[in-house]
């Protein structure tokens, strides 16, 4: 496996509507090719000295690694949390046509065209 230059960015939001707003904007702006919105998350964490147990929604953004900083800044600007979870995971390998599709949706001409 080889580093593909692509990432999946994990972001938690308070509800589906928040995820949809952020997802639509960043996909429309070409910062991500896709945003999956997955409801039903339960997050247990410590925040400002308090133990929290909250319902959240997980958003998964598919994009190119070179866009991470711009994507993270845009998500931060749109997000309601003071310190949003924005975590990138490298895609070591994937179906090449799907990676080409990500490239095309994020402003890069796919190598196979």
N, C-alpha and C. Protein backbone atom coordinates (compact mmCIF):
# COMPACT_ATOMS: atom_id res chain seq x y z
N UNK A 1 0.83 -1.18 0.00
CA UNK A 1 0.00 0.00 0.00
C UNK A 1 0.88 1.25 0.00
N UNK A 2 0.38 2.27 -0.66
CA UNK A 2 1.10 3.53 -0.79
C UNK A 2 0.18 4.66 -0.35
N UNK A 3 0.77 5.70 0.23
CA UNK A 3 -0.03 6.87 0.61
C UNK A 3 -0.67 7.44 -0.65
N UNK A 4 -1.97 7.56 -0.64
CA UNK A 4 -2.70 8.00 -1.83
C UNK A 4 -2.77 9.52 -1.95
N UNK A 5 -2.41 10.24 -0.89
CA UNK A 5 -2.57 11.69 -0.90
C UNK A 5 -3.98 12.13 -0.54
N UNK A 6 -4.77 11.19 -0.07
CA UNK A 6 -6.16 11.47 0.29
C UNK A 6 -6.36 11.22 1.79
N UNK A 7 -7.37 11.88 2.34
CA UNK A 7 -7.67 11.74 3.76
C UNK A 7 -9.18 11.63 3.98
N UNK A 8 -9.52 11.07 5.12
CA UNK A 8 -10.89 11.12 5.63
C UNK A 8 -10.82 11.97 6.89
N UNK A 9 -11.66 12.99 6.95
CA UNK A 9 -11.66 13.90 8.09
C UNK A 9 -12.89 13.64 8.95
N UNK A 10 -12.66 13.32 10.21
CA UNK A 10 -13.72 13.06 11.18
C UNK A 10 -14.08 14.36 11.89
N UNK A 11 -15.36 14.68 11.92
CA UNK A 11 -15.85 15.87 12.62
C UNK A 11 -17.14 15.50 13.34
N UNK A 12 -17.23 15.80 14.62
CA UNK A 12 -18.49 15.60 15.33
C UNK A 12 -19.23 16.94 15.41
N UNK A 13 -20.54 16.86 15.28
CA UNK A 13 -21.42 18.03 15.34
C UNK A 13 -22.59 17.71 16.28
N UNK A 14 -23.30 18.74 16.75
CA UNK A 14 -24.37 18.48 17.70
C UNK A 14 -25.61 17.81 17.12
N UNK A 15 -25.85 17.99 15.81
CA UNK A 15 -27.07 17.42 15.20
C UNK A 15 -26.91 17.30 13.69
N UNK A 16 -27.87 16.59 13.06
CA UNK A 16 -27.81 16.34 11.61
C UNK A 16 -27.87 17.63 10.81
N UNK A 17 -28.68 18.58 11.25
CA UNK A 17 -28.80 19.84 10.51
C UNK A 17 -27.48 20.60 10.47
N UNK A 18 -26.77 20.63 11.58
CA UNK A 18 -25.45 21.28 11.61
C UNK A 18 -24.50 20.60 10.64
N UNK A 19 -24.51 19.27 10.65
CA UNK A 19 -23.66 18.52 9.73
C UNK A 19 -24.00 18.79 8.29
N UNK A 20 -25.30 18.89 7.99
CA UNK A 20 -25.73 19.14 6.61
C UNK A 20 -25.30 20.53 6.14
N UNK A 21 -25.40 21.52 7.01
CA UNK A 21 -24.99 22.87 6.65
C UNK A 21 -23.50 22.90 6.34
N UNK A 22 -22.69 22.37 7.25
CA UNK A 22 -21.24 22.35 7.03
C UNK A 22 -20.90 21.51 5.81
N UNK A 23 -21.50 20.33 5.68
CA UNK A 23 -21.23 19.45 4.54
C UNK A 23 -21.54 20.11 3.21
N UNK A 24 -22.70 20.72 3.10
CA UNK A 24 -23.07 21.36 1.83
C UNK A 24 -22.09 22.47 1.45
N UNK A 25 -21.73 23.28 2.43
CA UNK A 25 -20.84 24.41 2.14
C UNK A 25 -19.47 23.93 1.69
N UNK A 26 -18.85 23.00 2.42
CA UNK A 26 -17.48 22.60 2.06
C UNK A 26 -17.45 21.78 0.77
N UNK A 27 -18.49 21.02 0.49
CA UNK A 27 -18.54 20.30 -0.79
C UNK A 27 -18.76 21.29 -1.92
N UNK A 28 -19.66 22.24 -1.73
CA UNK A 28 -19.90 23.25 -2.76
C UNK A 28 -18.65 24.06 -3.06
N UNK A 29 -17.86 24.34 -2.04
CA UNK A 29 -16.62 25.11 -2.21
C UNK A 29 -15.46 24.27 -2.72
N UNK A 30 -15.65 22.96 -2.88
CA UNK A 30 -14.60 22.09 -3.41
C UNK A 30 -13.53 21.71 -2.40
N UNK A 31 -13.80 21.92 -1.12
CA UNK A 31 -12.83 21.54 -0.09
C UNK A 31 -12.92 20.07 0.26
N UNK A 32 -14.05 19.45 -0.05
CA UNK A 32 -14.25 18.01 0.14
C UNK A 32 -15.12 17.51 -1.00
N UNK A 33 -14.94 16.26 -1.36
CA UNK A 33 -15.75 15.67 -2.43
C UNK A 33 -17.08 15.16 -1.90
N UNK A 34 -17.10 14.80 -0.62
CA UNK A 34 -18.26 14.13 -0.05
C UNK A 34 -18.28 14.34 1.45
N UNK A 35 -19.48 14.40 2.00
CA UNK A 35 -19.65 14.42 3.45
C UNK A 35 -20.71 13.39 3.81
N UNK A 36 -20.33 12.37 4.55
CA UNK A 36 -21.29 11.40 5.08
C UNK A 36 -21.71 11.88 6.47
N UNK A 37 -23.01 11.88 6.73
CA UNK A 37 -23.55 12.33 8.01
C UNK A 37 -24.15 11.12 8.71
N UNK A 38 -23.56 10.76 9.84
CA UNK A 38 -23.91 9.52 10.53
C UNK A 38 -24.47 9.87 11.92
N UNK A 39 -25.79 9.77 12.08
CA UNK A 39 -26.39 10.09 13.39
C UNK A 39 -26.23 8.94 14.38
N UNK A 40 -26.60 9.21 15.62
CA UNK A 40 -26.64 8.16 16.63
C UNK A 40 -25.38 7.98 17.43
N UNK A 41 -24.49 8.93 17.40
CA UNK A 41 -23.24 8.84 18.15
C UNK A 41 -23.48 9.24 19.60
N UNK A 42 -22.82 8.56 20.51
CA UNK A 42 -22.83 8.97 21.92
C UNK A 42 -21.38 9.24 22.30
N UNK A 43 -21.12 10.44 22.76
CA UNK A 43 -19.76 10.85 23.10
C UNK A 43 -19.67 11.11 24.60
N UNK A 44 -18.68 10.50 25.22
CA UNK A 44 -18.39 10.72 26.64
C UNK A 44 -17.00 11.33 26.70
N UNK A 45 -16.92 12.51 27.28
CA UNK A 45 -15.66 13.25 27.30
C UNK A 45 -15.64 14.22 28.47
N UNK A 46 -14.47 14.72 28.77
CA UNK A 46 -14.31 15.71 29.82
C UNK A 46 -14.13 17.08 29.15
N UNK A 47 -14.89 18.07 29.60
CA UNK A 47 -14.80 19.42 29.04
C UNK A 47 -14.89 20.43 30.16
N UNK A 48 -13.85 21.24 30.31
CA UNK A 48 -13.78 22.28 31.33
C UNK A 48 -14.07 21.73 32.73
N UNK A 49 -13.44 20.57 33.02
CA UNK A 49 -13.56 19.96 34.34
C UNK A 49 -14.83 19.18 34.60
N UNK A 50 -15.69 19.10 33.60
CA UNK A 50 -16.98 18.42 33.76
C UNK A 50 -17.03 17.19 32.86
N UNK A 51 -17.55 16.08 33.39
CA UNK A 51 -17.75 14.89 32.57
C UNK A 51 -19.04 15.06 31.77
N UNK A 52 -18.94 14.93 30.47
CA UNK A 52 -20.09 15.13 29.58
C UNK A 52 -20.46 13.80 28.93
N UNK A 53 -21.73 13.61 28.70
CA UNK A 53 -22.27 12.43 28.03
C UNK A 53 -23.35 12.95 27.09
N UNK A 54 -23.00 13.09 25.81
CA UNK A 54 -23.85 13.80 24.86
C UNK A 54 -24.15 12.98 23.61
N UNK A 55 -25.28 13.27 23.00
CA UNK A 55 -25.59 12.74 21.67
C UNK A 55 -24.92 13.65 20.65
N UNK A 56 -24.29 13.05 19.66
CA UNK A 56 -23.66 13.81 18.59
C UNK A 56 -23.89 13.09 17.27
N UNK A 57 -23.45 13.74 16.21
CA UNK A 57 -23.52 13.21 14.86
C UNK A 57 -22.10 13.24 14.30
N UNK A 58 -21.71 12.20 13.60
CA UNK A 58 -20.38 12.13 13.00
C UNK A 58 -20.46 12.49 11.53
N UNK A 59 -19.59 13.38 11.10
CA UNK A 59 -19.45 13.71 9.68
C UNK A 59 -18.10 13.19 9.21
N UNK A 60 -18.11 12.52 8.07
CA UNK A 60 -16.88 12.03 7.44
C UNK A 60 -16.70 12.76 6.12
N UNK A 61 -15.61 13.49 5.99
CA UNK A 61 -15.32 14.24 4.77
C UNK A 61 -14.22 13.53 4.01
N UNK A 62 -14.42 13.32 2.71
CA UNK A 62 -13.40 12.71 1.85
C UNK A 62 -12.77 13.83 1.03
N UNK A 63 -11.43 13.92 1.08
CA UNK A 63 -10.75 15.00 0.38
C UNK A 63 -9.29 14.64 0.13
N UNK A 64 -8.56 15.60 -0.42
CA UNK A 64 -7.11 15.45 -0.63
C UNK A 64 -6.37 16.02 0.57
N UNK A 65 -5.26 15.39 0.92
CA UNK A 65 -4.48 15.81 2.09
C UNK A 65 -4.04 17.27 1.99
N UNK A 66 -3.72 17.74 0.81
CA UNK A 66 -3.25 19.12 0.66
C UNK A 66 -4.33 20.14 1.00
N UNK A 67 -5.57 19.72 1.07
CA UNK A 67 -6.67 20.63 1.39
C UNK A 67 -7.01 20.65 2.88
N UNK A 68 -6.32 19.85 3.69
CA UNK A 68 -6.71 19.73 5.10
C UNK A 68 -6.75 21.06 5.83
N UNK A 69 -5.70 21.86 5.73
CA UNK A 69 -5.67 23.11 6.49
C UNK A 69 -6.83 24.03 6.11
N UNK A 70 -7.09 24.16 4.83
CA UNK A 70 -8.21 25.00 4.38
C UNK A 70 -9.55 24.43 4.84
N UNK A 71 -9.71 23.11 4.72
CA UNK A 71 -10.95 22.46 5.15
C UNK A 71 -11.15 22.65 6.66
N UNK A 72 -10.10 22.42 7.44
CA UNK A 72 -10.20 22.56 8.89
C UNK A 72 -10.58 23.98 9.29
N UNK A 73 -9.96 24.97 8.66
CA UNK A 73 -10.29 26.36 8.97
C UNK A 73 -11.74 26.69 8.62
N UNK A 74 -12.21 26.17 7.50
CA UNK A 74 -13.60 26.43 7.08
C UNK A 74 -14.57 25.76 8.04
N UNK A 75 -14.30 24.52 8.41
CA UNK A 75 -15.16 23.82 9.36
C UNK A 75 -15.18 24.57 10.69
N UNK A 76 -14.01 24.98 11.16
CA UNK A 76 -13.93 25.71 12.42
C UNK A 76 -14.78 26.98 12.37
N UNK A 77 -14.75 27.70 11.26
CA UNK A 77 -15.53 28.93 11.12
C UNK A 77 -17.03 28.67 11.12
N UNK A 78 -17.44 27.51 10.62
CA UNK A 78 -18.87 27.17 10.51
C UNK A 78 -19.41 26.43 11.74
N UNK A 79 -18.53 25.90 12.55
CA UNK A 79 -18.91 24.99 13.64
C UNK A 79 -19.36 25.76 14.88
N UNK A 80 -20.30 25.19 15.61
CA UNK A 80 -20.80 25.83 16.83
C UNK A 80 -19.94 25.54 18.06
N UNK A 81 -19.08 24.53 18.02
CA UNK A 81 -18.27 24.18 19.18
C UNK A 81 -17.07 25.11 19.31
N UNK A 82 -16.68 25.37 20.55
CA UNK A 82 -15.50 26.18 20.82
C UNK A 82 -14.23 25.48 20.33
N UNK A 83 -14.19 24.16 20.49
CA UNK A 83 -13.03 23.36 20.09
C UNK A 83 -13.52 22.12 19.34
N UNK A 84 -13.88 22.27 18.06
CA UNK A 84 -14.44 21.12 17.33
C UNK A 84 -13.41 20.02 17.09
N UNK A 85 -13.90 18.80 17.09
CA UNK A 85 -13.08 17.65 16.72
C UNK A 85 -12.91 17.67 15.21
N UNK A 86 -11.69 17.83 14.75
CA UNK A 86 -11.37 17.80 13.32
C UNK A 86 -10.12 16.95 13.19
N UNK A 87 -10.29 15.69 12.83
CA UNK A 87 -9.18 14.73 12.81
C UNK A 87 -9.07 14.10 11.42
N UNK A 88 -7.87 14.16 10.85
CA UNK A 88 -7.64 13.58 9.53
C UNK A 88 -6.96 12.22 9.67
N UNK A 89 -7.41 11.28 8.87
CA UNK A 89 -6.81 9.95 8.80
C UNK A 89 -6.39 9.71 7.35
N UNK A 90 -5.14 9.34 7.15
CA UNK A 90 -4.64 9.09 5.80
C UNK A 90 -5.30 7.87 5.19
N UNK A 91 -5.59 7.97 3.91
CA UNK A 91 -6.09 6.83 3.14
C UNK A 91 -4.86 6.19 2.51
N UNK A 92 -4.49 5.01 2.98
CA UNK A 92 -3.29 4.36 2.46
C UNK A 92 -3.51 3.77 1.08
N UNK A 93 -4.73 3.34 0.81
CA UNK A 93 -5.06 2.76 -0.48
C UNK A 93 -6.57 2.75 -0.63
N UNK A 94 -7.04 2.78 -1.86
CA UNK A 94 -8.48 2.77 -2.12
C UNK A 94 -8.71 2.46 -3.59
N UNK A 95 -9.95 2.26 -3.95
CA UNK A 95 -10.35 2.01 -5.33
C UNK A 95 -9.97 3.24 -6.17
N UNK A 96 -9.09 3.07 -7.14
CA UNK A 96 -8.52 4.18 -7.92
C UNK A 96 -9.58 5.07 -8.56
N UNK A 97 -10.62 4.53 -9.18
CA UNK A 97 -11.65 5.42 -9.74
C UNK A 97 -12.31 6.31 -8.69
N UNK A 98 -12.44 5.81 -7.46
CA UNK A 98 -13.02 6.65 -6.40
C UNK A 98 -12.07 7.78 -6.03
N UNK A 99 -10.78 7.49 -5.93
CA UNK A 99 -9.80 8.53 -5.65
C UNK A 99 -9.77 9.56 -6.77
N UNK A 100 -9.88 9.10 -8.01
CA UNK A 100 -9.96 10.02 -9.15
C UNK A 100 -11.18 10.92 -9.04
N UNK A 101 -12.29 10.35 -8.60
CA UNK A 101 -13.51 11.13 -8.43
C UNK A 101 -13.30 12.21 -7.36
N UNK A 102 -12.67 11.84 -6.23
CA UNK A 102 -12.36 12.84 -5.19
C UNK A 102 -11.51 13.95 -5.78
N UNK A 103 -10.48 13.58 -6.54
CA UNK A 103 -9.62 14.58 -7.16
C UNK A 103 -10.42 15.54 -8.04
N UNK A 104 -11.28 14.98 -8.86
CA UNK A 104 -12.08 15.80 -9.77
C UNK A 104 -13.04 16.73 -9.05
N UNK A 105 -13.57 16.28 -7.93
CA UNK A 105 -14.51 17.11 -7.17
C UNK A 105 -13.82 18.17 -6.33
N UNK A 106 -12.53 18.01 -6.13
CA UNK A 106 -11.79 18.97 -5.30
C UNK A 106 -10.77 19.75 -6.13
N UNK A 107 -11.05 19.89 -7.41
CA UNK A 107 -10.27 20.78 -8.25
C UNK A 107 -9.01 20.23 -8.87
N UNK A 108 -8.79 18.94 -8.80
CA UNK A 108 -7.60 18.34 -9.40
C UNK A 108 -8.03 17.42 -10.52
N UNK A 109 -7.44 17.58 -11.69
CA UNK A 109 -7.78 16.70 -12.82
C UNK A 109 -7.24 15.30 -12.53
N UNK A 110 -8.11 14.28 -12.53
CA UNK A 110 -7.65 12.91 -12.27
C UNK A 110 -6.59 12.46 -13.28
N UNK A 111 -5.61 11.70 -12.80
CA UNK A 111 -4.52 11.22 -13.64
C UNK A 111 -5.01 10.30 -14.74
N UNK A 112 -6.14 9.62 -14.53
CA UNK A 112 -6.62 8.65 -15.51
C UNK A 112 -7.38 9.30 -16.66
N UNK A 113 -7.52 10.62 -16.66
CA UNK A 113 -8.25 11.28 -17.76
C UNK A 113 -7.30 11.89 -18.76
